[in-house]
Amino acid sequence: MRYTNIRIGLFSLVFVIGCASLTTKKNEQIETERSVQAAEADVRTAREAGAATYAPTDLQEAERDLKSAKAKLQKKEYSSADTLAQSAISAALDALNKTEVAKKKEGKKKQNPKTKSSEAKK
């Protein structure tokens, strides 16, 4: 009887630890999937804003990291996938910022065009 109680106790402990481990792994998967989705949205936003023209290197880096993150997610390598997704987000935001700055500069040049003749008069 005494050994039965010990076995039941040990079984219960192993069961609880196993369930906790599965829950942690599932949470890690969910969080990584969210990171990858955020990276997809940021890359799409940068691309639609014109980053291919104004910040192609940053956009390519973001797309490369996003592709790698998706591959790691498929392999259930959640930590690596999350790191790559965060890197993709960072590169996409850099591309978006550079694009916005370039467009503002471009807009100012169109508003205040300087010709060689007006500069020569100065």
PDB file of N, CA and C in Angstrom:
ATOM      1  N   MET A   1       0.830  -1.184   0.000  1.00  0.00           N
ATOM      2  CA  MET A   1       0.000   0.000   0.000  1.00  0.00           C
ATOM      3  C   MET A   1       0.879   1.253   0.000  1.00  0.00           C
ATOM      4  N   ARG A   2       1.912   1.196   0.810  1.00  0.00           N
ATOM      5  CA  ARG A   2       2.799   2.336   0.945  1.00  0.00           C
ATOM      6  C   ARG A   2       3.513   2.631  -0.373  1.00  0.00           C
ATOM      7  N   TYR A   3       3.968   1.581  -1.064  1.00  0.00           N
ATOM      8  CA  TYR A   3       4.656   1.755  -2.339  1.00  0.00           C
ATOM      9  C   TYR A   3       3.694   2.250  -3.422  1.00  0.00           C
ATOM     10  N   THR A   4       2.454   1.848  -3.347  1.00  0.00           N
ATOM     11  CA  THR A   4       1.450   2.297  -4.302  1.00  0.00           C
ATOM     12  C   THR A   4       1.264   3.801  -4.195  1.00  0.00           C
ATOM     13  N   ASN A   5       1.212   4.313  -2.977  1.00  0.00           N
ATOM     14  CA  ASN A   5       1.054   5.761  -2.767  1.00  0.00           C
ATOM     15  C   ASN A   5       2.269   6.523  -3.304  1.00  0.00           C
ATOM     16  N   ILE A   6       3.445   5.948  -3.105  1.00  0.00           N
ATOM     17  CA  ILE A   6       4.664   6.594  -3.601  1.00  0.00           C
ATOM     18  C   ILE A   6       4.645   6.614  -5.133  1.00  0.00           C
ATOM     19  N   ARG A   7       4.251   5.475  -5.732  1.00  0.00           N
ATOM     20  CA  ARG A   7       4.178   5.415  -7.190  1.00  0.00           C
ATOM     21  C   ARG A   7       3.144   6.398  -7.740  1.00  0.00           C
ATOM     22  N   ILE A   8       2.023   6.479  -7.108  1.00  0.00           N
ATOM     23  CA  ILE A   8       0.989   7.426  -7.540  1.00  0.00           C
ATOM     24  C   ILE A   8       1.513   8.856  -7.422  1.00  0.00           C
ATOM     25  N   GLY A   9       2.192   9.135  -6.328  1.00  0.00           N
ATOM     26  CA  GLY A   9       2.765  10.475  -6.130  1.00  0.00           C
ATOM     27  C   GLY A   9       3.800  10.809  -7.185  1.00  0.00           C
ATOM     28  N   LEU A  10       4.691   9.857  -7.481  1.00  0.00           N
ATOM     29  CA  LEU A  10       5.712  10.075  -8.501  1.00  0.00           C
ATOM     30  C   LEU A  10       5.086  10.236  -9.889  1.00  0.00           C
ATOM     31  N   PHE A  11       4.102   9.395 -10.183  1.00  0.00           N
ATOM     32  CA  PHE A  11       3.418   9.495 -11.465  1.00  0.00           C
ATOM     33  C   PHE A  11       2.752  10.861 -11.618  1.00  0.00           C
ATOM     34  N   SER A  12       2.113  11.319 -10.573  1.00  0.00           N
ATOM     35  CA  SER A  12       1.451  12.624 -10.601  1.00  0.00           C
ATOM     36  C   SER A  12       2.454  13.744 -10.828  1.00  0.00           C
ATOM     37  N   LEU A  13       3.595  13.647 -10.156  1.00  0.00           N
ATOM     38  CA  LEU A  13       4.632  14.662 -10.309  1.00  0.00           C
ATOM     39  C   LEU A  13       5.161  14.687 -11.739  1.00  0.00           C
ATOM     40  N   VAL A  14       5.446  13.525 -12.296  1.00  0.00           N
ATOM     41  CA  VAL A  14       5.941  13.435 -13.676  1.00  0.00           C
ATOM     42  C   VAL A  14       4.883  13.962 -14.638  1.00  0.00           C
ATOM     43  N   PHE A  15       3.644  13.642 -14.399  1.00  0.00           N
ATOM     44  CA  PHE A  15       2.555  14.098 -15.258  1.00  0.00           C
ATOM     45  C   PHE A  15       2.438  15.624 -15.238  1.00  0.00           C
ATOM     46  N   VAL A  16       2.492  16.215 -14.064  1.00  0.00           N
ATOM     47  CA  VAL A  16       2.392  17.675 -13.928  1.00  0.00           C
ATOM     48  C   VAL A  16       3.576  18.361 -14.613  1.00  0.00           C
ATOM     49  N   ILE A  17       4.763  17.846 -14.419  1.00  0.00           N
ATOM     50  CA  ILE A  17       5.953  18.419 -15.058  1.00  0.00           C
ATOM     51  C   ILE A  17       5.842  18.295 -16.577  1.00  0.00           C
ATOM     52  N   GLY A  18       5.388  17.171 -17.046  1.00  0.00           N
ATOM     53  CA  GLY A  18       5.220  16.966 -18.488  1.00  0.00           C
ATOM     54  C   GLY A  18       4.204  17.918 -19.076  1.00  0.00           C
ATOM     55  N   CYS A  19       3.099  18.126 -18.396  1.00  0.00           N
ATOM     56  CA  CYS A  19       2.081  19.064 -18.884  1.00  0.00           C
ATOM     57  C   CYS A  19       2.614  20.490 -18.893  1.00  0.00           C
ATOM     58  N   ALA A  20       3.353  20.852 -17.868  1.00  0.00           N
ATOM     59  CA  ALA A  20       3.929  22.198 -17.806  1.00  0.00           C
ATOM     60  C   ALA A  20       4.904  22.409 -18.957  1.00  0.00           C
ATOM     61  N   SER A  21       5.663  21.386 -19.263  1.00  0.00           N
ATOM     62  CA  SER A  21       6.621  21.472 -20.362  1.00  0.00           C
ATOM     63  C   SER A  21       5.907  21.656 -21.699  1.00  0.00           C
ATOM     64  N   LEU A  22       4.819  20.929 -21.910  1.00  0.00           N
ATOM     65  CA  LEU A  22       4.049  21.059 -23.144  1.00  0.00           C
ATOM     66  C   LEU A  22       3.427  22.446 -23.261  1.00  0.00           C
ATOM     67  N   THR A  23       2.925  22.956 -22.150  1.00  0.00           N
ATOM     68  CA  THR A  23       2.322  24.286 -22.142  1.00  0.00           C
ATOM     69  C   THR A  23       3.364  25.341 -22.472  1.00  0.00           C
ATOM     70  N   THR A  24       4.550  25.225 -21.894  1.00  0.00           N
ATOM     71  CA  THR A  24       5.627  26.175 -22.170  1.00  0.00           C
ATOM     72  C   THR A  24       6.010  26.135 -23.644  1.00  0.00           C
ATOM     73  N   LYS A  25       6.119  24.954 -24.206  1.00  0.00           N
ATOM     74  CA  LYS A  25       6.481  24.803 -25.622  1.00  0.00           C
ATOM     75  C   LYS A  25       5.392  25.395 -26.519  1.00  0.00           C
ATOM     76  N   LYS A  26       4.140  25.183 -26.173  1.00  0.00           N
ATOM     77  CA  LYS A  26       3.027  25.722 -26.951  1.00  0.00           C
ATOM     78  C   LYS A  26       3.031  27.250 -26.877  1.00  0.00           C
ATOM     79  N   ASN A  27       3.287  27.802 -25.690  1.00  0.00           N
ATOM     80  CA  ASN A  27       3.363  29.264 -25.544  1.00  0.00           C
ATOM     81  C   ASN A  27       4.507  29.838 -26.376  1.00  0.00           C
ATOM     82  N   GLU A  28       5.639  29.147 -26.367  1.00  0.00           N
ATOM     83  CA  GLU A  28       6.787  29.587 -27.154  1.00  0.00           C
ATOM     84  C   GLU A  28       6.432  29.581 -28.643  1.00  0.00           C
ATOM     85  N   GLN A  29       5.727  28.565 -29.078  1.00  0.00           N
ATOM     86  CA  GLN A  29       5.303  28.473 -30.471  1.00  0.00           C
ATOM     87  C   GLN A  29       4.369  29.633 -30.824  1.00  0.00           C
ATOM     88  N   ILE A  30       3.409  29.908 -29.967  1.00  0.00           N
ATOM     89  CA  ILE A  30       2.440  30.980 -30.220  1.00  0.00           C
ATOM     90  C   ILE A  30       3.134  32.337 -30.293  1.00  0.00           C
ATOM     91  N   GLU A  31       4.034  32.587 -29.350  1.00  0.00           N
ATOM     92  CA  GLU A  31       4.755  33.864 -29.343  1.00  0.00           C
ATOM     93  C   GLU A  31       5.629  34.022 -30.590  1.00  0.00           C
ATOM     94  N   THR A  32       6.251  32.940 -31.008  1.00  0.00           N
ATOM     95  CA  THR A  32       7.094  32.988 -32.203  1.00  0.00           C
ATOM     96  C   THR A  32       6.246  33.226 -33.444  1.00  0.00           C
ATOM     97  N   GLU A  33       5.108  32.572 -33.517  1.00  0.00           N
ATOM     98  CA  GLU A  33       4.205  32.791 -34.655  1.00  0.00           C
ATOM     99  C   GLU A  33       3.765  34.249 -34.713  1.00  0.00           C
ATOM    100  N   ARG A  34       3.510  34.851 -33.569  1.00  0.00           N
ATOM    101  CA  ARG A  34       3.134  36.272 -33.524  1.00  0.00           C
ATOM    102  C   ARG A  34       4.281  37.159 -33.998  1.00  0.00           C
ATOM    103  N   SER A  35       5.495  36.821 -33.602  1.00  0.00           N
ATOM    104  CA  SER A  35       6.659  37.599 -34.045  1.00  0.00           C
ATOM    105  C   SER A  35       6.825  37.514 -35.560  1.00  0.00           C
ATOM    106  N   VAL A  36       6.641  36.333 -36.108  1.00  0.00           N
ATOM    107  CA  VAL A  36       6.763  36.143 -37.553  1.00  0.00           C
ATOM    108  C   VAL A  36       5.659  36.920 -38.281  1.00  0.00           C
ATOM    109  N   GLN A  37       4.455  36.899 -37.736  1.00  0.00           N
ATOM    110  CA  GLN A  37       3.356  37.653 -38.345  1.00  0.00           C
ATOM    111  C   GLN A  37       3.634  39.158 -38.302  1.00  0.00           C
ATOM    112  N   ALA A  38       4.184  39.634 -37.198  1.00  0.00           N
ATOM    113  CA  ALA A  38       4.539  41.055 -37.086  1.00  0.00           C
ATOM    114  C   ALA A  38       5.621  41.413 -38.103  1.00  0.00           C
ATOM    115  N   ALA A  39       6.583  40.520 -38.268  1.00  0.00           N
ATOM    116  CA  ALA A  39       7.650  40.753 -39.245  1.00  0.00           C
ATOM    117  C   ALA A  39       7.072  40.801 -40.658  1.00  0.00           C
ATOM    118  N   GLU A  40       6.148  39.896 -40.966  1.00  0.00           N
ATOM    119  CA  GLU A  40       5.505  39.907 -42.286  1.00  0.00           C
ATOM    120  C   GLU A  40       4.807  41.238 -42.539  1.00  0.00           C
ATOM    121  N   ALA A  41       4.095  41.726 -41.534  1.00  0.00           N
ATOM    122  CA  ALA A  41       3.378  42.994 -41.677  1.00  0.00           C
ATOM    123  C   ALA A  41       4.341  44.160 -41.874  1.00  0.00           C
ATOM    124  N   ASP A  42       5.419  44.179 -41.115  1.00  0.00           N
ATOM    125  CA  ASP A  42       6.388  45.278 -41.234  1.00  0.00           C
ATOM    126  C   ASP A  42       7.126  45.249 -42.576  1.00  0.00           C
ATOM    127  N   VAL A  43       7.472  44.072 -43.045  1.00  0.00           N
ATOM    128  CA  VAL A  43       8.138  43.950 -44.351  1.00  0.00           C
ATOM    129  C   VAL A  43       7.184  44.404 -45.452  1.00  0.00           C
ATOM    130  N   ARG A  44       5.922  43.985 -45.355  1.00  0.00           N
ATOM    131  CA  ARG A  44       4.924  44.383 -46.351  1.00  0.00           C
ATOM    132  C   ARG A  44       4.754  45.908 -46.355  1.00  0.00           C
ATOM    133  N   THR A  45       4.676  46.507 -45.166  1.00  0.00           N
ATOM    134  CA  THR A  45       4.518  47.958 -45.059  1.00  0.00           C
ATOM    135  C   THR A  45       5.698  48.689 -45.690  1.00  0.00           C
ATOM    136  N   ALA A  46       6.905  48.225 -45.399  1.00  0.00           N
ATOM    137  CA  ALA A  46       8.106  48.847 -45.964  1.00  0.00           C
ATOM    138  C   ALA A  46       8.112  48.717 -47.484  1.00  0.00           C
ATOM    139  N   ARG A  47       7.756  47.546 -47.974  1.00  0.00           N
ATOM    140  CA  ARG A  47       7.734  47.312 -49.423  1.00  0.00           C
ATOM    141  C   ARG A  47       6.708  48.244 -50.088  1.00  0.00           C
ATOM    142  N   GLU A  48       5.507  48.317 -49.498  1.00  0.00           N
ATOM    143  CA  GLU A  48       4.443  49.153 -50.066  1.00  0.00           C
ATOM    144  C   GLU A  48       4.788  50.639 -50.004  1.00  0.00           C
ATOM    145  N   ALA A  49       5.608  51.031 -49.048  1.00  0.00           N
ATOM    146  CA  ALA A  49       6.010  52.433 -48.918  1.00  0.00           C
ATOM    147  C   ALA A  49       7.063  52.827 -49.951  1.00  0.00           C
ATOM    148  N   GLY A  50       7.664  51.840 -50.599  1.00  0.00           N
ATOM    149  CA  GLY A  50       8.660  52.135 -51.622  1.00  0.00           C
ATOM    150  C   GLY A  50      10.085  51.851 -51.196  1.00  0.00           C
ATOM    151  N   ALA A  51      10.256  51.025 -50.187  1.00  0.00           N
ATOM    152  CA  ALA A  51      11.605  50.726 -49.691  1.00  0.00           C
ATOM    153  C   ALA A  51      12.481  50.041 -50.740  1.00  0.00           C
ATOM    154  N   ALA A  52      11.875  49.371 -51.696  1.00  0.00           N
ATOM    155  CA  ALA A  52      12.679  48.734 -52.750  1.00  0.00           C
ATOM    156  C   ALA A  52      13.449  49.777 -53.555  1.00  0.00           C
ATOM    157  N   THR A  53      12.902  50.974 -53.615  1.00  0.00           N
ATOM    158  CA  THR A  53      13.553  52.065 -54.335  1.00  0.00           C
ATOM    159  C   THR A  53      14.500  52.847 -53.435  1.00  0.00           C
ATOM    160  N   TYR A  54      14.042  53.154 -52.217  1.00  0.00           N
ATOM    161  CA  TYR A  54      14.771  54.073 -51.344  1.00  0.00           C
ATOM    162  C   TYR A  54      15.703  53.395 -50.333  1.00  0.00           C
ATOM    163  N   ALA A  55      15.432  52.160 -49.992  1.00  0.00           N
ATOM    164  CA  ALA A  55      16.261  51.445 -49.009  1.00  0.00           C
ATOM    165  C   ALA A  55      16.317  49.955 -49.372  1.00  0.00           C
ATOM    166  N   PRO A  56      16.806  49.639 -50.567  1.00  0.00           N
ATOM    167  CA  PRO A  56      16.758  48.254 -51.031  1.00  0.00           C
ATOM    168  C   PRO A  56      17.567  47.277 -50.182  1.00  0.00           C
ATOM    169  N   THR A  57      18.696  47.723 -49.668  1.00  0.00           N
ATOM    170  CA  THR A  57      19.541  46.813 -48.878  1.00  0.00           C
ATOM    171  C   THR A  57      18.832  46.406 -47.587  1.00  0.00           C
ATOM    172  N   ASP A  58      18.232  47.385 -46.914  1.00  0.00           N
ATOM    173  CA  ASP A  58      17.513  47.083 -45.671  1.00  0.00           C
ATOM    174  C   ASP A  58      16.297  46.196 -45.936  1.00  0.00           C
ATOM    175  N   LEU A  59      15.586  46.482 -47.018  1.00  0.00           N
ATOM    176  CA  LEU A  59      14.417  45.671 -47.354  1.00  0.00           C
ATOM    177  C   LEU A  59      14.830  44.233 -47.677  1.00  0.00           C
ATOM    178  N   GLN A  60      15.910  44.077 -48.431  1.00  0.00           N
ATOM    179  CA  GLN A  60      16.384  42.723 -48.753  1.00  0.00           C
ATOM    180  C   GLN A  60      16.790  41.964 -47.495  1.00  0.00           C
ATOM    181  N   GLU A  61      17.438  42.667 -46.564  1.00  0.00           N
ATOM    182  CA  GLU A  61      17.817  42.031 -45.295  1.00  0.00           C
ATOM    183  C   GLU A  61      16.578  41.582 -44.530  1.00  0.00           C
ATOM    184  N   ALA A  62      15.579  42.445 -44.492  1.00  0.00           N
ATOM    185  CA  ALA A  62      14.333  42.104 -43.794  1.00  0.00           C
ATOM    186  C   ALA A  62      13.660  40.895 -44.428  1.00  0.00           C
ATOM    187  N   GLU A  63      13.604  40.876 -45.741  1.00  0.00           N
ATOM    188  CA  GLU A  63      12.980  39.753 -46.446  1.00  0.00           C
ATOM    189  C   GLU A  63      13.750  38.454 -46.242  1.00  0.00           C
ATOM    190  N   ARG A  64      15.076  38.555 -46.248  1.00  0.00           N
ATOM    191  CA  ARG A  64      15.928  37.369 -46.034  1.00  0.00           C
ATOM    192  C   ARG A  64      15.714  36.813 -44.619  1.00  0.00           C
ATOM    193  N   ASP A  65      15.713  37.717 -43.625  1.00  0.00           N
ATOM    194  CA  ASP A  65      15.520  37.271 -42.239  1.00  0.00           C
ATOM    195  C   ASP A  65      14.124  36.693 -42.028  1.00  0.00           C
ATOM    196  N   LEU A  66      13.131  37.294 -42.671  1.00  0.00           N
ATOM    197  CA  LEU A  66      11.763  36.782 -42.562  1.00  0.00           C
ATOM    198  C   LEU A  66      11.671  35.379 -43.157  1.00  0.00           C
ATOM    199  N   LYS A  67      12.258  35.188 -44.309  1.00  0.00           N
ATOM    200  CA  LYS A  67      12.251  33.861 -44.952  1.00  0.00           C
ATOM    201  C   LYS A  67      12.923  32.828 -44.051  1.00  0.00           C
ATOM    202  N   SER A  68      14.049  33.201 -43.455  1.00  0.00           N
ATOM    203  CA  SER A  68      14.759  32.288 -42.548  1.00  0.00           C
ATOM    204  C   SER A  68      13.936  32.011 -41.291  1.00  0.00           C
ATOM    205  N   ALA A  69      13.260  33.032 -40.791  1.00  0.00           N
ATOM    206  CA  ALA A  69      12.418  32.855 -39.595  1.00  0.00           C
ATOM    207  C   ALA A  69      11.294  31.862 -39.870  1.00  0.00           C
ATOM    208  N   LYS A  70      10.684  31.973 -41.036  1.00  0.00           N
ATOM    209  CA  LYS A  70       9.614  31.040 -41.400  1.00  0.00           C
ATOM    210  C   LYS A  70      10.140  29.609 -41.500  1.00  0.00           C
ATOM    211  N   ALA A  71      11.335  29.463 -42.060  1.00  0.00           N
ATOM    212  CA  ALA A  71      11.926  28.123 -42.181  1.00  0.00           C
ATOM    213  C   ALA A  71      12.204  27.529 -40.803  1.00  0.00           C
ATOM    214  N   LYS A  72      12.732  28.346 -39.892  1.00  0.00           N
ATOM    215  CA  LYS A  72      13.010  27.866 -38.528  1.00  0.00           C
ATOM    216  C   LYS A  72      11.715  27.531 -37.804  1.00  0.00           C
ATOM    217  N   LEU A  73      10.681  28.320 -38.029  1.00  0.00           N
ATOM    218  CA  LEU A  73       9.383  28.054 -37.402  1.00  0.00           C
ATOM    219  C   LEU A  73       8.841  26.700 -37.861  1.00  0.00           C
ATOM    220  N   GLN A  74       8.979  26.400 -39.151  1.00  0.00           N
ATOM    221  CA  GLN A  74       8.531  25.117 -39.683  1.00  0.00           C
ATOM    222  C   GLN A  74       9.282  23.948 -39.042  1.00  0.00           C
ATOM    223  N   LYS A  75      10.548  24.188 -38.716  1.00  0.00           N
ATOM    224  CA  LYS A  75      11.366  23.149 -38.079  1.00  0.00           C
ATOM    225  C   LYS A  75      11.173  23.113 -36.562  1.00  0.00           C
ATOM    226  N   LYS A  76      10.291  23.984 -36.054  1.00  0.00           N
ATOM    227  CA  LYS A  76      10.001  24.090 -34.615  1.00  0.00           C
ATOM    228  C   LYS A  76      11.215  24.555 -33.813  1.00  0.00           C
ATOM    229  N   GLU A  77      12.067  25.324 -34.456  1.00  0.00           N
ATOM    230  CA  GLU A  77      13.216  25.940 -33.788  1.00  0.00           C
ATOM    231  C   GLU A  77      12.791  27.361 -33.398  1.00  0.00           C
ATOM    232  N   TYR A  78      11.981  27.416 -32.331  1.00  0.00           N
ATOM    233  CA  TYR A  78      11.282  28.647 -31.983  1.00  0.00           C
ATOM    234  C   TYR A  78      12.204  29.784 -31.556  1.00  0.00           C
ATOM    235  N   SER A  79      13.232  29.493 -30.823  1.00  0.00           N
ATOM    236  CA  SER A  79      14.135  30.542 -30.362  1.00  0.00           C
ATOM    237  C   SER A  79      14.839  31.203 -31.544  1.00  0.00           C
ATOM    238  N   SER A  80      15.349  30.397 -32.448  1.00  0.00           N
ATOM    239  CA  SER A  80      16.019  30.932 -33.641  1.00  0.00           C
ATOM    240  C   SER A  80      15.035  31.687 -34.522  1.00  0.00           C
ATOM    241  N   ALA A  81      13.842  31.138 -34.666  1.00  0.00           N
ATOM    242  CA  ALA A  81      12.819  31.785 -35.491  1.00  0.00           C
ATOM    243  C   ALA A  81      12.440  33.144 -34.922  1.00  0.00           C
ATOM    244  N   ASP A  82      12.308  33.224 -33.610  1.00  0.00           N
ATOM    245  CA  ASP A  82      11.947  34.488 -32.978  1.00  0.00           C
ATOM    246  C   ASP A  82      13.057  35.529 -33.154  1.00  0.00           C
ATOM    247  N   THR A  83      14.291  35.105 -32.983  1.00  0.00           N
ATOM    248  CA  THR A  83      15.428  36.020 -33.159  1.00  0.00           C
ATOM    249  C   THR A  83      15.468  36.565 -34.585  1.00  0.00           C
ATOM    250  N   LEU A  84      15.259  35.690 -35.557  1.00  0.00           N
ATOM    251  CA  LEU A  84      15.253  36.119 -36.958  1.00  0.00           C
ATOM    252  C   LEU A  84      14.065  37.027 -37.268  1.00  0.00           C
ATOM    253  N   ALA A  85      12.926  36.725 -36.677  1.00  0.00           N
ATOM    254  CA  ALA A  85      11.748  37.573 -36.883  1.00  0.00           C
ATOM    255  C   ALA A  85      11.993  38.970 -36.319  1.00  0.00           C
ATOM    256  N   GLN A  86      12.609  39.046 -35.133  1.00  0.00           N
ATOM    257  CA  GLN A  86      12.920  40.356 -34.545  1.00  0.00           C
ATOM    258  C   GLN A  86      13.921  41.117 -35.412  1.00  0.00           C
ATOM    259  N   SER A  87      14.873  40.408 -35.981  1.00  0.00           N
ATOM    260  CA  SER A  87      15.839  41.025 -36.885  1.00  0.00           C
ATOM    261  C   SER A  87      15.144  41.542 -38.149  1.00  0.00           C
ATOM    262  N   ALA A  88      14.199  40.782 -38.656  1.00  0.00           N
ATOM    263  CA  ALA A  88      13.435  41.204 -39.838  1.00  0.00           C
ATOM    264  C   ALA A  88      12.621  42.454 -39.537  1.00  0.00           C
ATOM    265  N   ILE A  89      12.033  42.496 -38.354  1.00  0.00           N
ATOM    266  CA  ILE A  89      11.262  43.673 -37.940  1.00  0.00           C
ATOM    267  C   ILE A  89      12.166  44.900 -37.897  1.00  0.00           C
ATOM    268  N   SER A  90      13.315  44.748 -37.298  1.00  0.00           N
ATOM    269  CA  SER A  90      14.259  45.855 -37.181  1.00  0.00           C
ATOM    270  C   SER A  90      14.703  46.368 -38.560  1.00  0.00           C
ATOM    271  N   ALA A  91      15.046  45.452 -39.444  1.00  0.00           N
ATOM    272  CA  ALA A  91      15.487  45.836 -40.787  1.00  0.00           C
ATOM    273  C   ALA A  91      14.349  46.479 -41.579  1.00  0.00           C
ATOM    274  N   ALA A  92      13.136  45.960 -41.419  1.00  0.00           N
ATOM    275  CA  ALA A  92      11.988  46.532 -42.119  1.00  0.00           C
ATOM    276  C   ALA A  92      11.695  47.948 -41.626  1.00  0.00           C
ATOM    277  N   LEU A  93      11.796  48.153 -40.321  1.00  0.00           N
ATOM    278  CA  LEU A  93      11.573  49.492 -39.773  1.00  0.00           C
ATOM    279  C   LEU A  93      12.668  50.462 -40.221  1.00  0.00           C
ATOM    280  N   ASP A  94      13.902  49.981 -40.292  1.00  0.00           N
ATOM    281  CA  ASP A  94      14.986  50.807 -40.818  1.00  0.00           C
ATOM    282  C   ASP A  94      14.694  51.201 -42.271  1.00  0.00           C
ATOM    283  N   ALA A  95      14.261  50.235 -43.050  1.00  0.00           N
ATOM    284  CA  ALA A  95      13.937  50.497 -44.457  1.00  0.00           C
ATOM    285  C   ALA A  95      12.799  51.504 -44.565  1.00  0.00           C
ATOM    286  N   LEU A  96      11.799  51.345 -43.733  1.00  0.00           N
ATOM    287  CA  LEU A  96      10.655  52.262 -43.756  1.00  0.00           C
ATOM    288  C   LEU A  96      11.081  53.674 -43.367  1.00  0.00           C
ATOM    289  N   ASN A  97      11.894  53.798 -42.326  1.00  0.00           N
ATOM    290  CA  ASN A  97      12.370  55.118 -41.896  1.00  0.00           C
ATOM    291  C   ASN A  97      13.197  55.787 -42.988  1.00  0.00           C
ATOM    292  N   LYS A  98      14.115  55.043 -43.593  1.00  0.00           N
ATOM    293  CA  LYS A  98      14.943  55.598 -44.663  1.00  0.00           C
ATOM    294  C   LYS A  98      14.085  56.014 -45.858  1.00  0.00           C
ATOM    295  N   THR A  99      13.065  55.237 -46.140  1.00  0.00           N
ATOM    296  CA  THR A  99      12.162  55.551 -47.240  1.00  0.00           C
ATOM    297  C   THR A  99      11.415  56.854 -46.971  1.00  0.00           C
ATOM    298  N   GLU A 100      10.909  56.994 -45.755  1.00  0.00           N
ATOM    299  CA  GLU A 100      10.172  58.210 -45.395  1.00  0.00           C
ATOM    300  C   GLU A 100      11.073  59.441 -45.458  1.00  0.00           C
ATOM    301  N   VAL A 101      12.295  59.324 -44.966  1.00  0.00           N
ATOM    302  CA  VAL A 101      13.241  60.439 -45.009  1.00  0.00           C
ATOM    303  C   VAL A 101      13.558  60.812 -46.463  1.00  0.00           C
ATOM    304  N   ALA A 102      13.810  59.812 -47.284  1.00  0.00           N
ATOM    305  CA  ALA A 102      14.127  60.068 -48.694  1.00  0.00           C
ATOM    306  C   ALA A 102      12.952  60.726 -49.413  1.00  0.00           C
ATOM    307  N   LYS A 103      11.749  60.280 -49.127  1.00  0.00           N
ATOM    308  CA  LYS A 103      10.569  60.868 -49.766  1.00  0.00           C
ATOM    309  C   LYS A 103      10.368  62.313 -49.322  1.00  0.00           C
ATOM    310  N   LYS A 104      10.636  62.609 -48.057  1.00  0.00           N
ATOM    311  CA  LYS A 104      10.518  63.985 -47.574  1.00  0.00           C
ATOM    312  C   LYS A 104      11.540  64.884 -48.262  1.00  0.00           C
ATOM    313  N   LYS A 105      12.768  64.399 -48.389  1.00  0.00           N
ATOM    314  CA  LYS A 105      13.804  65.174 -49.083  1.00  0.00           C
ATOM    315  C   LYS A 105      13.401  65.406 -50.531  1.00  0.00           C
ATOM    316  N   GLU A 106      12.875  64.368 -51.147  1.00  0.00           N
ATOM    317  CA  GLU A 106      12.440  64.459 -52.530  1.00  0.00           C
ATOM    318  C   GLU A 106      11.316  65.489 -52.669  1.00  0.00           C
ATOM    319  N   GLY A 107      10.392  65.470 -51.718  1.00  0.00           N
ATOM    320  CA  GLY A 107       9.275  66.415 -51.732  1.00  0.00           C
ATOM    321  C   GLY A 107       9.746  67.848 -51.554  1.00  0.00           C
ATOM    322  N   LYS A 108      10.727  68.083 -50.713  1.00  0.00           N
ATOM    323  CA  LYS A 108      11.273  69.425 -50.509  1.00  0.00           C
ATOM    324  C   LYS A 108      11.973  69.922 -51.768  1.00  0.00           C
ATOM    325  N   LYS A 109      12.663  69.037 -52.459  1.00  0.00           N
ATOM    326  CA  LYS A 109      13.348  69.427 -53.694  1.00  0.00           C
ATOM    327  C   LYS A 109      12.332  69.842 -54.753  1.00  0.00           C
ATOM    328  N   LYS A 110      11.189  69.154 -54.798  1.00  0.00           N
ATOM    329  CA  LYS A 110      10.155  69.486 -55.778  1.00  0.00           C
ATOM    330  C   LYS A 110       9.487  70.805 -55.434  1.00  0.00           C
ATOM    331  N   GLN A 111       9.354  71.101 -54.140  1.00  0.00           N
ATOM    332  CA  GLN A 111       8.735  72.357 -53.714  1.00  0.00           C
ATOM    333  C   GLN A 111       9.659  73.547 -53.934  1.00  0.00           C
ATOM    334  N   ASN A 112      10.935  73.376 -53.748  1.00  0.00           N
ATOM    335  CA  ASN A 112      11.922  74.441 -53.862  1.00  0.00           C
ATOM    336  C   ASN A 112      12.993  74.096 -54.900  1.00  0.00           C
ATOM    337  N   PRO A 113      12.611  74.005 -56.166  1.00  0.00           N
ATOM    338  CA  PRO A 113      13.634  73.648 -57.153  1.00  0.00           C
ATOM    339  C   PRO A 113      14.627  74.792 -57.327  1.00  0.00           C
ATOM    340  N   LYS A 114      15.881  74.460 -57.299  1.00  0.00           N
ATOM    341  CA  LYS A 114      16.951  75.433 -57.504  1.00  0.00           C
ATOM    342  C   LYS A 114      17.550  75.189 -58.876  1.00  0.00           C
ATOM    343  N   THR A 115      17.531  76.198 -59.662  1.00  0.00           N
ATOM    344  CA  THR A 115      18.141  76.062 -60.978  1.00  0.00           C
ATOM    345  C   THR A 115      19.522  76.659 -60.958  1.00  0.00           C
ATOM    346  N   LYS A 116      20.303  76.308 -61.920  1.00  0.00           N
ATOM    347  CA  LYS A 116      21.673  76.836 -61.983  1.00  0.00           C
ATOM    348  C   LYS A 116      21.669  78.349 -62.193  1.00  0.00           C
ATOM    349  N   SER A 117      20.687  78.846 -62.935  1.00  0.00           N
ATOM    350  CA  SER A 117      20.644  80.284 -63.200  1.00  0.00           C
ATOM    351  C   SER A 117      20.317  81.072 -61.935  1.00  0.00           C
ATOM    352  N   SER A 118      19.429  80.528 -61.080  1.00  0.00           N
ATOM    353  CA  SER A 118      19.094  81.260 -59.847  1.00  0.00           C
ATOM    354  C   SER A 118      20.262  81.208 -58.859  1.00  0.00           C
ATOM    355  N   GLU A 119      21.019  80.118 -58.886  1.00  0.00           N
ATOM    356  CA  GLU A 119      22.181  80.029 -58.002  1.00  0.00           C
ATOM    357  C   GLU A 119      23.298  80.927 -58.505  1.00  0.00           C
ATOM    358  N   ALA A 120      23.390  81.122 -59.809  1.00  0.00           N
ATOM    359  CA  ALA A 120      24.441  81.945 -60.384  1.00  0.00           C
ATOM    360  C   ALA A 120      24.198  83.423 -60.080  1.00  0.00           C
ATOM    361  N   LYS A 121      22.952  83.822 -59.921  1.00  0.00           N
ATOM    362  CA  LYS A 121      22.619  85.209 -59.621  1.00  0.00           C
ATOM    363  C   LYS A 121      23.057  85.614 -58.225  1.00  0.00           C
ATOM    364  N   LYS A 122      23.203  84.645 -57.340  1.00  0.00           N
ATOM    365  CA  LYS A 122      23.576  84.948 -55.963  1.00  0.00           C
ATOM    366  C   LYS A 122      24.952  85.371 -55.859  1.00  0.00           C
TER     367      LYS A 122
END
